[in-house]
């Protein structure tokens, strides 16, 4: 997997857990 795919998967998991992701 590429780095972008890993980051995308991490963000998806966080969202599924109800954690809000803030982009700076």
C-alpha atoms as a PDB file:
ATOM      1  CA  UNK A   1       0.000   0.000   0.000  1.00  0.00           C
ATOM      2  CA  UNK A   2       1.113   3.515  -0.652  1.00  0.00           C
ATOM      3  CA  UNK A   3       1.470   6.106   2.083  1.00  0.00           C
ATOM      4  CA  UNK A   4      -1.635   7.906   0.841  1.00  0.00           C
ATOM      5  CA  UNK A   5      -3.698   4.719   1.083  1.00  0.00           C
ATOM      6  CA  UNK A   6      -2.526   4.117   4.634  1.00  0.00           C
ATOM      7  CA  UNK A   7      -3.396   7.672   5.675  1.00  0.00           C
ATOM      8  CA  UNK A   8      -6.794   7.396   4.016  1.00  0.00           C
ATOM      9  CA  UNK A   9      -7.528   4.142   5.839  1.00  0.00           C
ATOM     10  CA  UNK A  10      -6.497   5.666   9.161  1.00  0.00           C
ATOM     11  CA  UNK A  11      -8.810   8.630   8.660  1.00  0.00           C
ATOM     12  CA  UNK A  12     -11.651   6.297   7.716  1.00  0.00           C
ATOM     13  CA  UNK A  13     -11.170   4.236  10.868  1.00  0.00           C
ATOM     14  CA  UNK A  14     -11.123   7.361  13.028  1.00  0.00           C
ATOM     15  CA  UNK A  15     -14.322   8.641  11.451  1.00  0.00           C
ATOM     16  CA  UNK A  16     -16.033   5.290  11.999  1.00  0.00           C
ATOM     17  CA  UNK A  17     -15.176   5.555  15.696  1.00  0.00           C
ATOM     18  CA  UNK A  18     -16.816   8.973  15.854  1.00  0.00           C
ATOM     19  CA  UNK A  19     -13.584  10.889  16.248  1.00  0.00           C
ATOM     20  CA  UNK A  20     -13.604  14.229  14.521  1.00  0.00           C
ATOM     21  CA  UNK A  21     -10.659  14.827  12.255  1.00  0.00           C
ATOM     22  CA  UNK A  22      -9.502  18.412  11.969  1.00  0.00           C
ATOM     23  CA  UNK A  23      -7.427  19.421   8.985  1.00  0.00           C
ATOM     24  CA  UNK A  24      -5.068  22.325   9.506  1.00  0.00           C
END
